[in-house]
């Protein structure tokens, strides 16, 4: 499955790499001015669809603290589908500067 989004602005919605949970609300990534690249993030999703960053697992921004903050902010503003249990998913975030 792929992400949803227009591709306009400072980033597009993340793309699912593994796991069965899907994004039901999708806002843009607020990447700021000084960061560009990709990162795959392991996310714990509650039964209610709330995502929490567990760790970054691969990508050019894997060790970047600003990228992790951008993902955490995105997770606070967006939800996953609800299920009867908690699960782990991996999503790829393509973060790029505005311009």
PDB file of N, CA and C in Angstrom:
ATOM      1  N   UNK A   1       0.825  -1.193   0.000  1.00  0.00           N
ATOM      2  CA  UNK A   1       0.000   0.000   0.000  1.00  0.00           C
ATOM      3  C   UNK A   1       0.846   1.223   0.000  1.00  0.00           C
ATOM      4  N   UNK A   2       0.383   2.239  -0.602  1.00  0.00           N
ATOM      5  CA  UNK A   2       1.117   3.492  -0.659  1.00  0.00           C
ATOM      6  C   UNK A   2       0.497   4.531   0.242  1.00  0.00           C
ATOM      7  N   UNK A   3       1.191   5.623   0.363  1.00  0.00           N
ATOM      8  CA  UNK A   3       0.678   6.724   1.142  1.00  0.00           C
ATOM      9  C   UNK A   3      -0.343   7.499   0.348  1.00  0.00           C
ATOM     10  N   UNK A   4      -1.021   8.367   1.041  1.00  0.00           N
ATOM     11  CA  UNK A   4      -1.947   9.251   0.366  1.00  0.00           C
ATOM     12  C   UNK A   4      -1.419  10.654   0.509  1.00  0.00           C
ATOM     13  N   UNK A   5      -1.734  11.485  -0.407  1.00  0.00           N
ATOM     14  CA  UNK A   5      -1.291  12.865  -0.326  1.00  0.00           C
ATOM     15  C   UNK A   5      -1.165  13.448  -1.706  1.00  0.00           C
ATOM     16  N   UNK A   6      -1.063  14.751  -1.758  1.00  0.00           N
ATOM     17  CA  UNK A   6      -1.036  15.434  -3.040  1.00  0.00           C
ATOM     18  C   UNK A   6       0.359  15.546  -3.618  1.00  0.00           C
ATOM     19  N   UNK A   7       1.376  15.422  -2.780  1.00  0.00           N
ATOM     20  CA  UNK A   7       2.731  15.630  -3.259  1.00  0.00           C
ATOM     21  C   UNK A   7       3.101  17.098  -3.325  1.00  0.00           C
ATOM     22  N   UNK A   8       2.239  17.962  -2.831  1.00  0.00           N
ATOM     23  CA  UNK A   8       2.478  19.396  -2.831  1.00  0.00           C
ATOM     24  C   UNK A   8       2.796  19.824  -1.408  1.00  0.00           C
ATOM     25  N   UNK A   9       3.722  20.742  -1.260  1.00  0.00           N
ATOM     26  CA  UNK A   9       4.048  21.238   0.067  1.00  0.00           C
ATOM     27  C   UNK A   9       5.380  20.690   0.535  1.00  0.00           C
ATOM     28  N   UNK A  10       5.558  20.624   1.829  1.00  0.00           N
ATOM     29  CA  UNK A  10       6.853  20.260   2.384  1.00  0.00           C
ATOM     30  C   UNK A  10       7.036  18.768   2.552  1.00  0.00           C
ATOM     31  N   UNK A  11       6.075  17.982   2.182  1.00  0.00           N
ATOM     32  CA  UNK A  11       6.215  16.540   2.288  1.00  0.00           C
ATOM     33  C   UNK A  11       4.929  15.859   1.869  1.00  0.00           C
ATOM     34  N   UNK A  12       4.998  14.574   1.637  1.00  0.00           N
ATOM     35  CA  UNK A  12       3.809  13.806   1.301  1.00  0.00           C
ATOM     36  C   UNK A  12       3.550  12.820   2.424  1.00  0.00           C
ATOM     37  N   UNK A  13       2.371  12.253   2.428  1.00  0.00           N
ATOM     38  CA  UNK A  13       2.030  11.293   3.470  1.00  0.00           C
ATOM     39  C   UNK A  13       2.959  10.090   3.386  1.00  0.00           C
ATOM     40  N   UNK A  14       3.183   9.448   4.505  1.00  0.00           N
ATOM     41  CA  UNK A  14       4.078   8.294   4.525  1.00  0.00           C
ATOM     42  C   UNK A  14       3.514   7.094   3.766  1.00  0.00           C
ATOM     43  N   UNK A  15       4.422   6.211   3.362  1.00  0.00           N
ATOM     44  CA  UNK A  15       4.079   4.991   2.627  1.00  0.00           C
ATOM     45  C   UNK A  15       4.283   3.801   3.544  1.00  0.00           C
ATOM     46  N   UNK A  16       3.284   2.914   3.599  1.00  0.00           N
ATOM     47  CA  UNK A  16       3.388   1.723   4.452  1.00  0.00           C
ATOM     48  C   UNK A  16       4.401   0.747   3.865  1.00  0.00           C
ATOM     49  N   UNK A  17       5.332   0.290   4.696  1.00  0.00           N
ATOM     50  CA  UNK A  17       6.344  -0.687   4.309  1.00  0.00           C
ATOM     51  C   UNK A  17       5.948  -2.069   4.822  1.00  0.00           C
ATOM     52  N   UNK A  18       5.487  -2.134   6.072  1.00  0.00           N
ATOM     53  CA  UNK A  18       5.040  -3.410   6.637  1.00  0.00           C
ATOM     54  C   UNK A  18       3.984  -3.154   7.696  1.00  0.00           C
ATOM     55  N   UNK A  19       3.187  -4.174   7.953  1.00  0.00           N
ATOM     56  CA  UNK A  19       2.106  -4.067   8.918  1.00  0.00           C
ATOM     57  C   UNK A  19       0.775  -3.868   8.224  1.00  0.00           C
ATOM     58  N   UNK A  20      -0.294  -4.018   8.992  1.00  0.00           N
ATOM     59  CA  UNK A  20      -1.623  -3.987   8.385  1.00  0.00           C
ATOM     60  C   UNK A  20      -2.412  -2.722   8.687  1.00  0.00           C
ATOM     61  N   UNK A  21      -1.887  -1.828   9.500  1.00  0.00           N
ATOM     62  CA  UNK A  21      -2.641  -0.635   9.871  1.00  0.00           C
ATOM     63  C   UNK A  21      -2.496   0.433   8.802  1.00  0.00           C
ATOM     64  N   UNK A  22      -3.593   1.100   8.511  1.00  0.00           N
ATOM     65  CA  UNK A  22      -3.592   2.148   7.491  1.00  0.00           C
ATOM     66  C   UNK A  22      -3.920   3.493   8.116  1.00  0.00           C
ATOM     67  N   UNK A  23      -3.512   4.542   7.450  1.00  0.00           N
ATOM     68  CA  UNK A  23      -3.743   5.903   7.911  1.00  0.00           C
ATOM     69  C   UNK A  23      -5.154   6.314   7.493  1.00  0.00           C
ATOM     70  N   UNK A  24      -5.928   6.835   8.448  1.00  0.00           N
ATOM     71  CA  UNK A  24      -7.284   7.269   8.117  1.00  0.00           C
ATOM     72  C   UNK A  24      -7.403   8.792   8.057  1.00  0.00           C
ATOM     73  N   UNK A  25      -6.489   9.506   8.688  1.00  0.00           N
ATOM     74  CA  UNK A  25      -6.401  10.960   8.526  1.00  0.00           C
ATOM     75  C   UNK A  25      -4.986  11.248   8.081  1.00  0.00           C
ATOM     76  N   UNK A  26      -4.824  12.146   7.174  1.00  0.00           N
ATOM     77  CA  UNK A  26      -3.481  12.383   6.663  1.00  0.00           C
ATOM     78  C   UNK A  26      -3.248  13.857   6.398  1.00  0.00           C
ATOM     79  N   UNK A  27      -2.398  14.435   7.200  1.00  0.00           N
ATOM     80  CA  UNK A  27      -1.983  15.814   6.998  1.00  0.00           C
ATOM     81  C   UNK A  27      -0.562  15.842   6.493  1.00  0.00           C
ATOM     82  N   UNK A  28      -0.127  17.012   6.047  1.00  0.00           N
ATOM     83  CA  UNK A  28       1.218  17.130   5.501  1.00  0.00           C
ATOM     84  C   UNK A  28       2.274  17.047   6.597  1.00  0.00           C
ATOM     85  N   UNK A  29       3.478  16.727   6.166  1.00  0.00           N
ATOM     86  CA  UNK A  29       4.631  16.756   7.063  1.00  0.00           C
ATOM     87  C   UNK A  29       5.133  18.191   7.127  1.00  0.00           C
ATOM     88  N   UNK A  30       5.378  18.697   8.319  1.00  0.00           N
ATOM     89  CA  UNK A  30       5.958  20.024   8.466  1.00  0.00           C
ATOM     90  C   UNK A  30       7.461  19.867   8.624  1.00  0.00           C
ATOM     91  N   UNK A  31       8.171  19.952   7.498  1.00  0.00           N
ATOM     92  CA  UNK A  31       9.593  19.627   7.498  1.00  0.00           C
ATOM     93  C   UNK A  31      10.502  20.786   7.869  1.00  0.00           C
ATOM     94  N   UNK A  32      10.002  21.998   7.889  1.00  0.00           N
ATOM     95  CA  UNK A  32      10.886  23.104   8.208  1.00  0.00           C
ATOM     96  C   UNK A  32      11.769  23.475   7.024  1.00  0.00           C
ATOM     97  N   UNK A  33      12.896  24.063   7.311  1.00  0.00           N
ATOM     98  CA  UNK A  33      13.739  24.643   6.272  1.00  0.00           C
ATOM     99  C   UNK A  33      15.010  23.853   5.978  1.00  0.00           C
ATOM    100  N   UNK A  34      15.490  23.056   6.914  1.00  0.00           N
ATOM    101  CA  UNK A  34      16.857  22.552   6.804  1.00  0.00           C
ATOM    102  C   UNK A  34      16.991  21.033   6.764  1.00  0.00           C
ATOM    103  N   UNK A  35      15.966  20.322   6.324  1.00  0.00           N
ATOM    104  CA  UNK A  35      16.060  18.875   6.363  1.00  0.00           C
ATOM    105  C   UNK A  35      15.409  18.280   5.124  1.00  0.00           C
ATOM    106  N   UNK A  36      16.067  17.270   4.568  1.00  0.00           N
ATOM    107  CA  UNK A  36      15.531  16.616   3.384  1.00  0.00           C
ATOM    108  C   UNK A  36      16.069  15.196   3.326  1.00  0.00           C
ATOM    109  N   UNK A  37      15.193  14.230   3.070  1.00  0.00           N
ATOM    110  CA  UNK A  37      15.607  12.844   2.951  1.00  0.00           C
ATOM    111  C   UNK A  37      14.476  11.899   3.306  1.00  0.00           C
ATOM    112  N   UNK A  38      14.822  10.624   3.413  1.00  0.00           N
ATOM    113  CA  UNK A  38      13.839   9.596   3.728  1.00  0.00           C
ATOM    114  C   UNK A  38      14.236   8.870   5.003  1.00  0.00           C
ATOM    115  N   UNK A  39      13.223   8.375   5.691  1.00  0.00           N
ATOM    116  CA  UNK A  39      13.468   7.570   6.878  1.00  0.00           C
ATOM    117  C   UNK A  39      12.307   6.590   7.045  1.00  0.00           C
ATOM    118  N   UNK A  40      12.635   5.364   7.429  1.00  0.00           N
ATOM    119  CA  UNK A  40      11.617   4.382   7.769  1.00  0.00           C
ATOM    120  C   UNK A  40      11.494   4.344   9.286  1.00  0.00           C
ATOM    121  N   UNK A  41      10.256   4.404   9.761  1.00  0.00           N
ATOM    122  CA  UNK A  41      10.003   4.464  11.191  1.00  0.00           C
ATOM    123  C   UNK A  41       9.119   3.308  11.627  1.00  0.00           C
ATOM    124  N   UNK A  42       9.527   2.661  12.713  1.00  0.00           N
ATOM    125  CA  UNK A  42       8.687   1.644  13.330  1.00  0.00           C
ATOM    126  C   UNK A  42       7.752   2.362  14.297  1.00  0.00           C
ATOM    127  N   UNK A  43       6.463   2.089  14.138  1.00  0.00           N
ATOM    128  CA  UNK A  43       5.436   2.806  14.888  1.00  0.00           C
ATOM    129  C   UNK A  43       4.551   1.807  15.618  1.00  0.00           C
ATOM    130  N   UNK A  44       4.317   2.058  16.893  1.00  0.00           N
ATOM    131  CA  UNK A  44       3.368   1.256  17.672  1.00  0.00           C
ATOM    132  C   UNK A  44       2.024   1.960  17.551  1.00  0.00           C
ATOM    133  N   UNK A  45       1.017   1.210  17.095  1.00  0.00           N
ATOM    134  CA  UNK A  45      -0.322   1.776  16.912  1.00  0.00           C
ATOM    135  C   UNK A  45      -1.265   1.128  17.922  1.00  0.00           C
ATOM    136  N   UNK A  46      -1.911   1.961  18.719  1.00  0.00           N
ATOM    137  CA  UNK A  46      -2.848   1.452  19.720  1.00  0.00           C
ATOM    138  C   UNK A  46      -4.111   0.932  19.039  1.00  0.00           C
ATOM    139  N   UNK A  47      -4.921   0.213  19.790  1.00  0.00           N
ATOM    140  CA  UNK A  47      -6.196  -0.289  19.263  1.00  0.00           C
ATOM    141  C   UNK A  47      -7.081   0.855  18.780  1.00  0.00           C
ATOM    142  N   UNK A  48      -6.922   2.044  19.389  1.00  0.00           N
ATOM    143  CA  UNK A  48      -7.716   3.218  19.016  1.00  0.00           C
ATOM    144  C   UNK A  48      -7.143   4.002  17.836  1.00  0.00           C
ATOM    145  N   UNK A  49      -6.003   3.554  17.283  1.00  0.00           N
ATOM    146  CA  UNK A  49      -5.439   4.200  16.102  1.00  0.00           C
ATOM    147  C   UNK A  49      -4.418   5.292  16.378  1.00  0.00           C
ATOM    148  N   UNK A  50      -3.930   5.380  17.602  1.00  0.00           N
ATOM    149  CA  UNK A  50      -2.933   6.385  17.963  1.00  0.00           C
ATOM    150  C   UNK A  50      -1.541   5.799  17.756  1.00  0.00           C
ATOM    151  N   UNK A  51      -0.717   6.485  16.952  1.00  0.00           N
ATOM    152  CA  UNK A  51       0.626   6.004  16.665  1.00  0.00           C
ATOM    153  C   UNK A  51       1.685   6.651  17.536  1.00  0.00           C
ATOM    154  N   UNK A  52       2.684   5.856  17.920  1.00  0.00           N
ATOM    155  CA  UNK A  52       3.817   6.333  18.710  1.00  0.00           C
ATOM    156  C   UNK A  52       5.099   5.828  18.057  1.00  0.00           C
ATOM    157  N   UNK A  53       6.046   6.728  17.830  1.00  0.00           N
ATOM    158  CA  UNK A  53       7.328   6.340  17.242  1.00  0.00           C
ATOM    159  C   UNK A  53       8.079   5.435  18.200  1.00  0.00           C
ATOM    160  N   UNK A  54       8.483   4.254  17.715  1.00  0.00           N
ATOM    161  CA  UNK A  54       9.298   3.334  18.503  1.00  0.00           C
ATOM    162  C   UNK A  54      10.762   3.601  18.205  1.00  0.00           C
ATOM    163  N   UNK A  55      11.113   3.589  16.912  1.00  0.00           N
ATOM    164  CA  UNK A  55      12.497   3.833  16.494  1.00  0.00           C
ATOM    165  C   UNK A  55      12.520   4.040  14.993  1.00  0.00           C
ATOM    166  N   UNK A  56      13.606   4.609  14.516  1.00  0.00           N
ATOM    167  CA  UNK A  56      13.834   4.676  13.082  1.00  0.00           C
ATOM    168  C   UNK A  56      14.682   3.478  12.700  1.00  0.00           C
ATOM    169  N   UNK A  57      14.412   2.891  11.528  1.00  0.00           N
ATOM    170  CA  UNK A  57      15.068   1.633  11.184  1.00  0.00           C
ATOM    171  C   UNK A  57      15.961   1.708   9.951  1.00  0.00           C
ATOM    172  N   UNK A  58      15.787   2.723   9.117  1.00  0.00           N
ATOM    173  CA  UNK A  58      16.618   2.807   7.916  1.00  0.00           C
ATOM    174  C   UNK A  58      16.366   4.147   7.238  1.00  0.00           C
ATOM    175  N   UNK A  59      17.297   4.546   6.384  1.00  0.00           N
ATOM    176  CA  UNK A  59      17.124   5.762   5.600  1.00  0.00           C
ATOM    177  C   UNK A  59      18.180   6.802   5.889  1.00  0.00           C
ATOM    178  N   UNK A  60      18.230   7.813   5.033  1.00  0.00           N
ATOM    179  CA  UNK A  60      19.252   8.852   5.139  1.00  0.00           C
ATOM    180  C   UNK A  60      19.081   9.712   6.384  1.00  0.00           C
ATOM    181  N   UNK A  61      17.873   9.767   6.942  1.00  0.00           N
ATOM    182  CA  UNK A  61      17.620  10.582   8.130  1.00  0.00           C
ATOM    183  C   UNK A  61      17.452   9.742   9.396  1.00  0.00           C
ATOM    184  N   UNK A  62      17.914   8.496   9.360  1.00  0.00           N
ATOM    185  CA  UNK A  62      17.696   7.552  10.446  1.00  0.00           C
ATOM    186  C   UNK A  62      18.169   8.072  11.804  1.00  0.00           C
ATOM    187  N   UNK A  63      19.277   8.792  11.845  1.00  0.00           N
ATOM    188  CA  UNK A  63      19.844   9.259  13.109  1.00  0.00           C
ATOM    189  C   UNK A  63      19.553  10.725  13.378  1.00  0.00           C
ATOM    190  N   UNK A  64      18.731  11.347  12.550  1.00  0.00           N
ATOM    191  CA  UNK A  64      18.484  12.781  12.662  1.00  0.00           C
ATOM    192  C   UNK A  64      17.380  13.065  13.683  1.00  0.00           C
ATOM    193  N   UNK A  65      17.729  13.776  14.758  1.00  0.00           N
ATOM    194  CA  UNK A  65      16.752  14.098  15.798  1.00  0.00           C
ATOM    195  C   UNK A  65      15.614  14.957  15.281  1.00  0.00           C
ATOM    196  N   UNK A  66      15.902  15.876  14.352  1.00  0.00           N
ATOM    197  CA  UNK A  66      14.861  16.728  13.796  1.00  0.00           C
ATOM    198  C   UNK A  66      13.847  15.891  13.007  1.00  0.00           C
ATOM    199  N   UNK A  67      14.328  14.895  12.264  1.00  0.00           N
ATOM    200  CA  UNK A  67      13.426  14.017  11.512  1.00  0.00           C
ATOM    201  C   UNK A  67      12.512  13.259  12.463  1.00  0.00           C
ATOM    202  N   UNK A  68      13.057  12.786  13.573  1.00  0.00           N
ATOM    203  CA  UNK A  68      12.239  12.071  14.562  1.00  0.00           C
ATOM    204  C   UNK A  68      11.179  12.988  15.152  1.00  0.00           C
ATOM    205  N   UNK A  69      11.534  14.247  15.414  1.00  0.00           N
ATOM    206  CA  UNK A  69      10.562  15.210  15.936  1.00  0.00           C
ATOM    207  C   UNK A  69       9.455  15.477  14.918  1.00  0.00           C
ATOM    208  N   UNK A  70       9.809  15.552  13.631  1.00  0.00           N
ATOM    209  CA  UNK A  70       8.825  15.769  12.573  1.00  0.00           C
ATOM    210  C   UNK A  70       7.844  14.597  12.527  1.00  0.00           C
ATOM    211  N   UNK A  71       8.356  13.380  12.643  1.00  0.00           N
ATOM    212  CA  UNK A  71       7.501  12.189  12.629  1.00  0.00           C
ATOM    213  C   UNK A  71       6.601  12.174  13.861  1.00  0.00           C
ATOM    214  N   UNK A  72       7.156  12.487  15.035  1.00  0.00           N
ATOM    215  CA  UNK A  72       6.343  12.513  16.258  1.00  0.00           C
ATOM    216  C   UNK A  72       5.212  13.537  16.133  1.00  0.00           C
ATOM    217  N   UNK A  73       5.530  14.712  15.581  1.00  0.00           N
ATOM    218  CA  UNK A  73       4.519  15.741  15.392  1.00  0.00           C
ATOM    219  C   UNK A  73       3.436  15.254  14.424  1.00  0.00           C
ATOM    220  N   UNK A  74       3.847  14.614  13.333  1.00  0.00           N
ATOM    221  CA  UNK A  74       2.891  14.090  12.361  1.00  0.00           C
ATOM    222  C   UNK A  74       1.986  13.051  13.026  1.00  0.00           C
ATOM    223  N   UNK A  75       2.569  12.177  13.851  1.00  0.00           N
ATOM    224  CA  UNK A  75       1.784  11.143  14.537  1.00  0.00           C
ATOM    225  C   UNK A  75       0.768  11.745  15.513  1.00  0.00           C
ATOM    226  N   UNK A  76       1.108  12.861  16.150  1.00  0.00           N
ATOM    227  CA  UNK A  76       0.163  13.522  17.064  1.00  0.00           C
ATOM    228  C   UNK A  76      -1.058  14.055  16.316  1.00  0.00           C
ATOM    229  N   UNK A  77      -0.874  14.421  15.054  1.00  0.00           N
ATOM    230  CA  UNK A  77      -1.950  15.053  14.282  1.00  0.00           C
ATOM    231  C   UNK A  77      -2.717  14.088  13.377  1.00  0.00           C
ATOM    232  N   UNK A  78      -2.304  12.839  13.288  1.00  0.00           N
ATOM    233  CA  UNK A  78      -2.930  11.892  12.365  1.00  0.00           C
ATOM    234  C   UNK A  78      -3.244  10.578  13.067  1.00  0.00           C
ATOM    235  N   UNK A  79      -4.199   9.850  12.519  1.00  0.00           N
ATOM    236  CA  UNK A  79      -4.655   8.595  13.135  1.00  0.00           C
ATOM    237  C   UNK A  79      -4.582   7.440  12.140  1.00  0.00           C
ATOM    238  N   UNK A  80      -4.496   6.241  12.707  1.00  0.00           N
ATOM    239  CA  UNK A  80      -4.548   4.989  11.943  1.00  0.00           C
ATOM    240  C   UNK A  80      -5.917   4.357  12.155  1.00  0.00           C
ATOM    241  N   UNK A  81      -6.222   3.336  11.350  1.00  0.00           N
ATOM    242  CA  UNK A  81      -7.493   2.640  11.526  1.00  0.00           C
ATOM    243  C   UNK A  81      -7.536   1.955  12.893  1.00  0.00           C
ATOM    244  N   UNK A  82      -8.750   1.835  13.428  1.00  0.00           N
ATOM    245  CA  UNK A  82      -8.953   1.188  14.720  1.00  0.00           C
ATOM    246  C   UNK A  82      -9.091  -0.318  14.520  1.00  0.00           C
ATOM    247  N   UNK A  83      -8.536  -1.076  15.460  1.00  0.00           N
ATOM    248  CA  UNK A  83      -8.684  -2.532  15.466  1.00  0.00           C
ATOM    249  C   UNK A  83      -8.857  -2.968  16.914  1.00  0.00           C
ATOM    250  N   UNK A  84      -8.954  -4.239  17.137  1.00  0.00           N
ATOM    251  CA  UNK A  84      -9.120  -4.742  18.487  1.00  0.00           C
ATOM    252  C   UNK A  84      -7.829  -4.889  19.262  1.00  0.00           C
ATOM    253  N   UNK A  85      -6.692  -4.556  18.648  1.00  0.00           N
ATOM    254  CA  UNK A  85      -5.418  -4.777  19.337  1.00  0.00           C
ATOM    255  C   UNK A  85      -4.354  -3.784  18.889  1.00  0.00           C
ATOM    256  N   UNK A  86      -3.312  -3.703  19.703  1.00  0.00           N
ATOM    257  CA  UNK A  86      -2.145  -2.895  19.372  1.00  0.00           C
ATOM    258  C   UNK A  86      -1.312  -3.632  18.328  1.00  0.00           C
ATOM    259  N   UNK A  87      -0.626  -2.883  17.472  1.00  0.00           N
ATOM    260  CA  UNK A  87       0.235  -3.526  16.474  1.00  0.00           C
ATOM    261  C   UNK A  87       1.415  -2.634  16.124  1.00  0.00           C
ATOM    262  N   UNK A  88       2.409  -3.239  15.481  1.00  0.00           N
ATOM    263  CA  UNK A  88       3.587  -2.516  15.000  1.00  0.00           C
ATOM    264  C   UNK A  88       3.526  -2.430  13.485  1.00  0.00           C
ATOM    265  N   UNK A  89       3.871  -1.263  12.968  1.00  0.00           N
ATOM    266  CA  UNK A  89       3.945  -1.049  11.524  1.00  0.00           C
ATOM    267  C   UNK A  89       5.232  -0.308  11.218  1.00  0.00           C
ATOM    268  N   UNK A  90       5.660  -0.371   9.963  1.00  0.00           N
ATOM    269  CA  UNK A  90       6.789   0.431   9.496  1.00  0.00           C
ATOM    270  C   UNK A  90       6.290   1.275   8.329  1.00  0.00           C
ATOM    271  N   UNK A  91       6.521   2.573   8.420  1.00  0.00           N
ATOM    272  CA  UNK A  91       6.158   3.506   7.361  1.00  0.00           C
ATOM    273  C   UNK A  91       7.400   4.273   6.921  1.00  0.00           C
ATOM    274  N   UNK A  92       7.456   4.575   5.634  1.00  0.00           N
ATOM    275  CA  UNK A  92       8.536   5.403   5.093  1.00  0.00           C
ATOM    276  C   UNK A  92       8.051   6.840   4.982  1.00  0.00           C
ATOM    277  N   UNK A  93       8.816   7.754   5.569  1.00  0.00           N
ATOM    278  CA  UNK A  93       8.521   9.175   5.500  1.00  0.00           C
ATOM    279  C   UNK A  93       9.518   9.819   4.550  1.00  0.00           C
ATOM    280  N   UNK A  94       8.995  10.524   3.544  1.00  0.00           N
ATOM    281  CA  UNK A  94       9.824  11.262   2.596  1.00  0.00           C
ATOM    282  C   UNK A  94       9.750  12.734   3.002  1.00  0.00           C
ATOM    283  N   UNK A  95      10.757  13.179   3.709  1.00  0.00           N
ATOM    284  CA  UNK A  95      10.777  14.536   4.261  1.00  0.00           C
ATOM    285  C   UNK A  95      11.611  15.410   3.338  1.00  0.00           C
ATOM    286  N   UNK A  96      11.039  16.539   2.962  1.00  0.00           N
ATOM    287  CA  UNK A  96      11.793  17.454   2.095  1.00  0.00           C
ATOM    288  C   UNK A  96      11.491  18.889   2.500  1.00  0.00           C
ATOM    289  N   UNK A  97      12.448  19.740   2.274  1.00  0.00           N
ATOM    290  CA  UNK A  97      12.283  21.144   2.635  1.00  0.00           C
ATOM    291  C   UNK A  97      11.305  21.812   1.684  1.00  0.00           C
ATOM    292  N   UNK A  98      10.684  22.866   2.124  1.00  0.00           N
ATOM    293  CA  UNK A  98       9.772  23.626   1.279  1.00  0.00           C
ATOM    294  C   UNK A  98      10.550  24.422   0.254  1.00  0.00           C
ATOM    295  N   UNK A  99       9.827  24.997  -0.698  1.00  0.00           N
ATOM    296  CA  UNK A  99      10.559  25.808  -1.669  1.00  0.00           C
ATOM    297  C   UNK A  99       9.969  25.886  -2.963  1.00  0.00           C
TER     298      UNK A  99
END
